[in-house]
């Protein structure tokens, strides 16, 4: 039972064990993501490190508007 396993491995909660079992059945594996930024999931930022020179203020504004829209699509939970 979950309680027996919980006590054997000194887990704090049998609910956590149930969640792990459920996740394992769905995915086939469980990876430890502690200490990692799980929100990024290894997606590189294509805008990082690129310098752009603008000829007009309007051009710069349009560029940043497009950048914001792109980031909203990539990271909808922010």
PDB file of N, CA and C in Angstrom:
ATOM      1  N   UNK A   1       0.842  -1.189   0.000  1.00  0.00           N
ATOM      2  CA  UNK A   1       0.000   0.000   0.000  1.00  0.00           C
ATOM      3  C   UNK A   1       0.883   1.247   0.000  1.00  0.00           C
ATOM      4  N   UNK A   2       0.257   2.375  -0.307  1.00  0.00           N
ATOM      5  CA  UNK A   2       0.997   3.641  -0.346  1.00  0.00           C
ATOM      6  C   UNK A   2       1.564   3.994   1.031  1.00  0.00           C
ATOM      7  N   UNK A   3       0.806   3.734   2.081  1.00  0.00           N
ATOM      8  CA  UNK A   3       1.281   4.065   3.428  1.00  0.00           C
ATOM      9  C   UNK A   3       2.501   3.240   3.820  1.00  0.00           C
ATOM     10  N   UNK A   4       2.533   1.986   3.442  1.00  0.00           N
ATOM     11  CA  UNK A   4       3.682   1.129   3.741  1.00  0.00           C
ATOM     12  C   UNK A   4       4.932   1.643   3.035  1.00  0.00           C
ATOM     13  N   UNK A   5       4.785   1.986   1.770  1.00  0.00           N
ATOM     14  CA  UNK A   5       5.916   2.519   0.994  1.00  0.00           C
ATOM     15  C   UNK A   5       6.347   3.865   1.559  1.00  0.00           C
ATOM     16  N   UNK A   6       5.368   4.692   1.928  1.00  0.00           N
ATOM     17  CA  UNK A   6       5.662   6.007   2.505  1.00  0.00           C
ATOM     18  C   UNK A   6       6.525   5.861   3.758  1.00  0.00           C
ATOM     19  N   UNK A   7       6.155   4.934   4.618  1.00  0.00           N
ATOM     20  CA  UNK A   7       6.911   4.723   5.856  1.00  0.00           C
ATOM     21  C   UNK A   7       8.288   4.121   5.581  1.00  0.00           C
ATOM     22  N   UNK A   8       8.355   3.187   4.636  1.00  0.00           N
ATOM     23  CA  UNK A   8       9.627   2.532   4.327  1.00  0.00           C
ATOM     24  C   UNK A   8      10.664   3.534   3.821  1.00  0.00           C
ATOM     25  N   UNK A   9      10.234   4.450   2.946  1.00  0.00           N
ATOM     26  CA  UNK A   9      11.169   5.413   2.354  1.00  0.00           C
ATOM     27  C   UNK A   9      11.125   6.773   3.044  1.00  0.00           C
ATOM     28  N   UNK A  10      10.424   6.839   4.162  1.00  0.00           N
ATOM     29  CA  UNK A  10      10.339   8.044   4.986  1.00  0.00           C
ATOM     30  C   UNK A  10       9.880   9.259   4.184  1.00  0.00           C
ATOM     31  N   UNK A  11       8.819   9.063   3.419  1.00  0.00           N
ATOM     32  CA  UNK A  11       8.224  10.167   2.672  1.00  0.00           C
ATOM     33  C   UNK A  11       7.281  10.928   3.588  1.00  0.00           C
ATOM     34  N   UNK A  12       7.111  12.196   3.336  1.00  0.00           N
ATOM     35  CA  UNK A  12       6.251  13.013   4.188  1.00  0.00           C
ATOM     36  C   UNK A  12       4.771  12.742   3.962  1.00  0.00           C
ATOM     37  N   UNK A  13       4.421  12.367   2.725  1.00  0.00           N
ATOM     38  CA  UNK A  13       3.012  12.259   2.393  1.00  0.00           C
ATOM     39  C   UNK A  13       2.768  11.121   1.417  1.00  0.00           C
ATOM     40  N   UNK A  14       1.714  10.373   1.645  1.00  0.00           N
ATOM     41  CA  UNK A  14       1.354   9.330   0.684  1.00  0.00           C
ATOM     42  C   UNK A  14       0.737   9.955  -0.565  1.00  0.00           C
ATOM     43  N   UNK A  15       0.221  11.175  -0.433  1.00  0.00           N
ATOM     44  CA  UNK A  15      -0.322  11.885  -1.594  1.00  0.00           C
ATOM     45  C   UNK A  15       0.778  12.165  -2.605  1.00  0.00           C
ATOM     46  N   UNK A  16       1.953  12.544  -2.128  1.00  0.00           N
ATOM     47  CA  UNK A  16       3.081  12.783  -3.029  1.00  0.00           C
ATOM     48  C   UNK A  16       3.439  11.511  -3.779  1.00  0.00           C
ATOM     49  N   UNK A  17       3.433  10.394  -3.088  1.00  0.00           N
ATOM     50  CA  UNK A  17       3.725   9.108  -3.719  1.00  0.00           C
ATOM     51  C   UNK A  17       2.684   8.786  -4.785  1.00  0.00           C
ATOM     52  N   UNK A  18       1.421   9.032  -4.486  1.00  0.00           N
ATOM     53  CA  UNK A  18       0.344   8.800  -5.459  1.00  0.00           C
ATOM     54  C   UNK A  18       0.556   9.656  -6.703  1.00  0.00           C
ATOM     55  N   UNK A  19       0.959  10.910  -6.495  1.00  0.00           N
ATOM     56  CA  UNK A  19       1.216  11.805  -7.635  1.00  0.00           C
ATOM     57  C   UNK A  19       2.377  11.302  -8.480  1.00  0.00           C
ATOM     58  N   UNK A  20       3.430  10.800  -7.834  1.00  0.00           N
ATOM     59  CA  UNK A  20       4.571  10.252  -8.575  1.00  0.00           C
ATOM     60  C   UNK A  20       4.161   9.038  -9.395  1.00  0.00           C
ATOM     61  N   UNK A  21       3.370   8.158  -8.796  1.00  0.00           N
ATOM     62  CA  UNK A  21       2.912   6.955  -9.504  1.00  0.00           C
ATOM     63  C   UNK A  21       2.054   7.353 -10.700  1.00  0.00           C
ATOM     64  N   UNK A  22       1.168   8.309 -10.500  1.00  0.00           N
ATOM     65  CA  UNK A  22       0.307   8.786 -11.590  1.00  0.00           C
ATOM     66  C   UNK A  22       1.148   9.368 -12.725  1.00  0.00           C
ATOM     67  N   UNK A  23       2.127  10.192 -12.369  1.00  0.00           N
ATOM     68  CA  UNK A  23       2.992  10.801 -13.380  1.00  0.00           C
ATOM     69  C   UNK A  23       3.809   9.740 -14.116  1.00  0.00           C
ATOM     70  N   UNK A  24       4.283   8.742 -13.391  1.00  0.00           N
ATOM     71  CA  UNK A  24       5.064   7.669 -14.014  1.00  0.00           C
ATOM     72  C   UNK A  24       4.207   6.875 -14.993  1.00  0.00           C
ATOM     73  N   UNK A  25       2.967   6.604 -14.620  1.00  0.00           N
ATOM     74  CA  UNK A  25       2.067   5.858 -15.505  1.00  0.00           C
ATOM     75  C   UNK A  25       1.757   6.651 -16.774  1.00  0.00           C
ATOM     76  N   UNK A  26       1.652   7.980 -16.646  1.00  0.00           N
ATOM     77  CA  UNK A  26       1.344   8.829 -17.802  1.00  0.00           C
ATOM     78  C   UNK A  26       2.553   9.011 -18.716  1.00  0.00           C
ATOM     79  N   UNK A  27       3.712   9.277 -18.129  1.00  0.00           N
ATOM     80  CA  UNK A  27       4.898   9.652 -18.910  1.00  0.00           C
ATOM     81  C   UNK A  27       5.910   8.524 -19.091  1.00  0.00           C
ATOM     82  N   UNK A  28       5.918   7.576 -18.195  1.00  0.00           N
ATOM     83  CA  UNK A  28       6.889   6.499 -18.275  1.00  0.00           C
ATOM     84  C   UNK A  28       8.197   6.812 -17.580  1.00  0.00           C
ATOM     85  N   UNK A  29       8.356   8.043 -17.108  1.00  0.00           N
ATOM     86  CA  UNK A  29       9.562   8.413 -16.368  1.00  0.00           C
ATOM     87  C   UNK A  29       9.267   9.633 -15.516  1.00  0.00           C
ATOM     88  N   UNK A  30      10.102   9.826 -14.533  1.00  0.00           N
ATOM     89  CA  UNK A  30       9.998  11.010 -13.683  1.00  0.00           C
ATOM     90  C   UNK A  30      11.384  11.621 -13.623  1.00  0.00           C
ATOM     91  N   UNK A  31      11.489  12.893 -13.987  1.00  0.00           N
ATOM     92  CA  UNK A  31      12.786  13.562 -13.947  1.00  0.00           C
ATOM     93  C   UNK A  31      12.803  14.576 -12.810  1.00  0.00           C
ATOM     94  N   UNK A  32      13.937  14.711 -12.197  1.00  0.00           N
ATOM     95  CA  UNK A  32      14.122  15.640 -11.097  1.00  0.00           C
ATOM     96  C   UNK A  32      14.424  17.012 -11.673  1.00  0.00           C
ATOM     97  N   UNK A  33      13.513  17.965 -11.466  1.00  0.00           N
ATOM     98  CA  UNK A  33      13.701  19.314 -12.000  1.00  0.00           C
ATOM     99  C   UNK A  33      13.998  20.322 -10.892  1.00  0.00           C
ATOM    100  N   UNK A  34      14.339  19.827  -9.716  1.00  0.00           N
ATOM    101  CA  UNK A  34      14.645  20.755  -8.626  1.00  0.00           C
ATOM    102  C   UNK A  34      15.860  21.600  -8.987  1.00  0.00           C
ATOM    103  N   UNK A  35      15.758  22.897  -8.693  1.00  0.00           N
ATOM    104  CA  UNK A  35      16.866  23.797  -8.948  1.00  0.00           C
ATOM    105  C   UNK A  35      16.978  24.244 -10.389  1.00  0.00           C
ATOM    106  N   UNK A  36      16.072  23.790 -11.223  1.00  0.00           N
ATOM    107  CA  UNK A  36      16.101  24.181 -12.624  1.00  0.00           C
ATOM    108  C   UNK A  36      14.908  25.076 -12.905  1.00  0.00           C
ATOM    109  N   UNK A  37      15.039  25.938 -13.859  1.00  0.00           N
ATOM    110  CA  UNK A  37      13.940  26.806 -14.244  1.00  0.00           C
ATOM    111  C   UNK A  37      13.015  26.013 -15.157  1.00  0.00           C
ATOM    112  N   UNK A  38      12.012  25.384 -14.592  1.00  0.00           N
ATOM    113  CA  UNK A  38      11.134  24.513 -15.359  1.00  0.00           C
ATOM    114  C   UNK A  38      10.251  25.276 -16.332  1.00  0.00           C
ATOM    115  N   UNK A  39      10.067  26.565 -16.144  1.00  0.00           N
ATOM    116  CA  UNK A  39       9.266  27.358 -17.056  1.00  0.00           C
ATOM    117  C   UNK A  39       9.876  27.526 -18.408  1.00  0.00           C
ATOM    118  N   UNK A  40      11.223  27.488 -18.468  1.00  0.00           N
ATOM    119  CA  UNK A  40      11.913  27.697 -19.733  1.00  0.00           C
ATOM    120  C   UNK A  40      11.989  26.424 -20.555  1.00  0.00           C
ATOM    121  N   UNK A  41      12.146  25.293 -19.937  1.00  0.00           N
ATOM    122  CA  UNK A  41      12.197  23.993 -20.610  1.00  0.00           C
ATOM    123  C   UNK A  41      13.215  23.957 -21.738  1.00  0.00           C
ATOM    124  N   UNK A  42      14.326  24.643 -21.603  1.00  0.00           N
ATOM    125  CA  UNK A  42      15.393  24.561 -22.587  1.00  0.00           C
ATOM    126  C   UNK A  42      15.130  25.318 -23.872  1.00  0.00           C
ATOM    127  N   UNK A  43      14.149  26.209 -23.881  1.00  0.00           N
ATOM    128  CA  UNK A  43      13.858  26.975 -25.088  1.00  0.00           C
ATOM    129  C   UNK A  43      14.826  28.154 -25.152  1.00  0.00           C
ATOM    130  N   UNK A  44      15.653  28.215 -26.166  1.00  0.00           N
ATOM    131  CA  UNK A  44      16.579  29.342 -26.268  1.00  0.00           C
ATOM    132  C   UNK A  44      15.844  30.614 -26.676  1.00  0.00           C
ATOM    133  N   UNK A  45      16.289  31.738 -26.171  1.00  0.00           N
ATOM    134  CA  UNK A  45      15.687  33.014 -26.521  1.00  0.00           C
ATOM    135  C   UNK A  45      16.365  33.526 -27.787  1.00  0.00           C
ATOM    136  N   UNK A  46      15.641  33.578 -28.905  1.00  0.00           N
ATOM    137  CA  UNK A  46      16.255  34.003 -30.160  1.00  0.00           C
ATOM    138  C   UNK A  46      16.609  35.488 -30.182  1.00  0.00           C
ATOM    139  N   UNK A  47      16.076  36.251 -29.229  1.00  0.00           N
ATOM    140  CA  UNK A  47      16.318  37.691 -29.213  1.00  0.00           C
ATOM    141  C   UNK A  47      17.532  38.067 -28.367  1.00  0.00           C
ATOM    142  N   UNK A  48      18.058  37.132 -27.616  1.00  0.00           N
ATOM    143  CA  UNK A  48      19.157  37.422 -26.703  1.00  0.00           C
ATOM    144  C   UNK A  48      20.453  37.668 -27.470  1.00  0.00           C
ATOM    145  N   UNK A  49      21.125  38.764 -27.112  1.00  0.00           N
ATOM    146  CA  UNK A  49      22.429  39.040 -27.674  1.00  0.00           C
ATOM    147  C   UNK A  49      22.430  39.714 -29.037  1.00  0.00           C
ATOM    148  N   UNK A  50      21.263  40.047 -29.569  1.00  0.00           N
ATOM    149  CA  UNK A  50      21.213  40.698 -30.877  1.00  0.00           C
ATOM    150  C   UNK A  50      21.037  42.203 -30.684  1.00  0.00           C
ATOM    151  N   UNK A  51      21.919  42.950 -31.299  1.00  0.00           N
ATOM    152  CA  UNK A  51      21.814  44.405 -31.232  1.00  0.00           C
ATOM    153  C   UNK A  51      21.237  44.914 -32.539  1.00  0.00           C
ATOM    154  N   UNK A  52      20.269  45.803 -32.398  1.00  0.00           N
ATOM    155  CA  UNK A  52      19.616  46.357 -33.581  1.00  0.00           C
ATOM    156  C   UNK A  52      19.741  47.873 -33.519  1.00  0.00           C
ATOM    157  N   UNK A  53      20.077  48.478 -34.645  1.00  0.00           N
ATOM    158  CA  UNK A  53      20.168  49.932 -34.731  1.00  0.00           C
ATOM    159  C   UNK A  53      18.988  50.436 -35.543  1.00  0.00           C
ATOM    160  N   UNK A  54      18.302  51.428 -35.006  1.00  0.00           N
ATOM    161  CA  UNK A  54      17.093  51.941 -35.633  1.00  0.00           C
ATOM    162  C   UNK A  54      17.358  53.314 -36.243  1.00  0.00           C
ATOM    163  N   UNK A  55      16.674  53.566 -37.356  1.00  0.00           N
ATOM    164  CA  UNK A  55      16.809  54.861 -38.020  1.00  0.00           C
ATOM    165  C   UNK A  55      15.830  55.885 -37.471  1.00  0.00           C
ATOM    166  N   UNK A  56      14.685  55.411 -36.981  1.00  0.00           N
ATOM    167  CA  UNK A  56      13.674  56.322 -36.433  1.00  0.00           C
ATOM    168  C   UNK A  56      13.127  55.757 -35.124  1.00  0.00           C
ATOM    169  N   UNK A  57      12.485  56.632 -34.366  1.00  0.00           N
ATOM    170  CA  UNK A  57      11.857  56.219 -33.116  1.00  0.00           C
ATOM    171  C   UNK A  57      10.690  55.279 -33.404  1.00  0.00           C
ATOM    172  N   UNK A  58       9.971  55.546 -34.482  1.00  0.00           N
ATOM    173  CA  UNK A  58       8.832  54.706 -34.857  1.00  0.00           C
ATOM    174  C   UNK A  58       9.284  53.282 -35.197  1.00  0.00           C
ATOM    175  N   UNK A  59      10.402  53.188 -35.870  1.00  0.00           N
ATOM    176  CA  UNK A  59      10.962  51.883 -36.222  1.00  0.00           C
ATOM    177  C   UNK A  59      11.321  51.100 -34.953  1.00  0.00           C
ATOM    178  N   UNK A  60      11.910  51.791 -33.995  1.00  0.00           N
ATOM    179  CA  UNK A  60      12.260  51.157 -32.730  1.00  0.00           C
ATOM    180  C   UNK A  60      11.008  50.712 -31.976  1.00  0.00           C
ATOM    181  N   UNK A  61       9.988  51.580 -31.944  1.00  0.00           N
ATOM    182  CA  UNK A  61       8.730  51.243 -31.282  1.00  0.00           C
ATOM    183  C   UNK A  61       8.103  49.994 -31.898  1.00  0.00           C
ATOM    184  N   UNK A  62       8.044  49.941 -33.222  1.00  0.00           N
ATOM    185  CA  UNK A  62       7.449  48.796 -33.912  1.00  0.00           C
ATOM    186  C   UNK A  62       8.230  47.511 -33.624  1.00  0.00           C
ATOM    187  N   UNK A  63       9.541  47.638 -33.558  1.00  0.00           N
ATOM    188  CA  UNK A  63      10.380  46.480 -33.258  1.00  0.00           C
ATOM    189  C   UNK A  63      10.051  45.939 -31.871  1.00  0.00           C
ATOM    190  N   UNK A  64       9.977  46.824 -30.885  1.00  0.00           N
ATOM    191  CA  UNK A  64       9.702  46.372 -29.524  1.00  0.00           C
ATOM    192  C   UNK A  64       8.277  45.856 -29.368  1.00  0.00           C
ATOM    193  N   UNK A  65       7.337  46.417 -30.097  1.00  0.00           N
ATOM    194  CA  UNK A  65       5.966  45.888 -30.074  1.00  0.00           C
ATOM    195  C   UNK A  65       5.946  44.458 -30.609  1.00  0.00           C
ATOM    196  N   UNK A  66       6.650  44.233 -31.703  1.00  0.00           N
ATOM    197  CA  UNK A  66       6.714  42.891 -32.283  1.00  0.00           C
ATOM    198  C   UNK A  66       7.410  41.925 -31.323  1.00  0.00           C
ATOM    199  N   UNK A  67       8.439  42.406 -30.650  1.00  0.00           N
ATOM    200  CA  UNK A  67       9.161  41.571 -29.695  1.00  0.00           C
ATOM    201  C   UNK A  67       8.247  41.162 -28.537  1.00  0.00           C
ATOM    202  N   UNK A  68       7.464  42.095 -28.035  1.00  0.00           N
ATOM    203  CA  UNK A  68       6.537  41.797 -26.944  1.00  0.00           C
ATOM    204  C   UNK A  68       5.491  40.784 -27.392  1.00  0.00           C
ATOM    205  N   UNK A  69       4.948  40.942 -28.582  1.00  0.00           N
ATOM    206  CA  UNK A  69       3.952  39.997 -29.091  1.00  0.00           C
ATOM    207  C   UNK A  69       4.548  38.599 -29.249  1.00  0.00           C
ATOM    208  N   UNK A  70       5.766  38.542 -29.736  1.00  0.00           N
ATOM    209  CA  UNK A  70       6.444  37.248 -29.883  1.00  0.00           C
ATOM    210  C   UNK A  70       6.600  36.564 -28.527  1.00  0.00           C
ATOM    211  N   UNK A  71       7.061  37.318 -27.543  1.00  0.00           N
ATOM    212  CA  UNK A  71       7.275  36.750 -26.217  1.00  0.00           C
ATOM    213  C   UNK A  71       5.961  36.342 -25.554  1.00  0.00           C
ATOM    214  N   UNK A  72       4.893  37.067 -25.812  1.00  0.00           N
ATOM    215  CA  UNK A  72       3.582  36.687 -25.277  1.00  0.00           C
ATOM    216  C   UNK A  72       3.140  35.344 -25.834  1.00  0.00           C
ATOM    217  N   UNK A  73       3.426  35.099 -27.099  1.00  0.00           N
ATOM    218  CA  UNK A  73       3.060  33.821 -27.711  1.00  0.00           C
ATOM    219  C   UNK A  73       3.928  32.686 -27.180  1.00  0.00           C
ATOM    220  N   UNK A  74       5.208  32.949 -26.978  1.00  0.00           N
ATOM    221  CA  UNK A  74       6.131  31.917 -26.511  1.00  0.00           C
ATOM    222  C   UNK A  74       5.911  31.561 -25.042  1.00  0.00           C
ATOM    223  N   UNK A  75       5.546  32.558 -24.239  1.00  0.00           N
ATOM    224  CA  UNK A  75       5.398  32.365 -22.797  1.00  0.00           C
ATOM    225  C   UNK A  75       4.039  32.907 -22.347  1.00  0.00           C
ATOM    226  N   UNK A  76       2.951  32.213 -22.679  1.00  0.00           N
ATOM    227  CA  UNK A  76       1.613  32.730 -22.376  1.00  0.00           C
ATOM    228  C   UNK A  76       1.291  32.772 -20.884  1.00  0.00           C
ATOM    229  N   UNK A  77       2.017  32.057 -20.054  1.00  0.00           N
ATOM    230  CA  UNK A  77       1.716  32.027 -18.622  1.00  0.00           C
ATOM    231  C   UNK A  77       2.310  33.198 -17.855  1.00  0.00           C
ATOM    232  N   UNK A  78       3.117  34.018 -18.501  1.00  0.00           N
ATOM    233  CA  UNK A  78       3.744  35.143 -17.795  1.00  0.00           C
ATOM    234  C   UNK A  78       2.808  36.314 -17.704  1.00  0.00           C
TER     235      UNK A  78
END
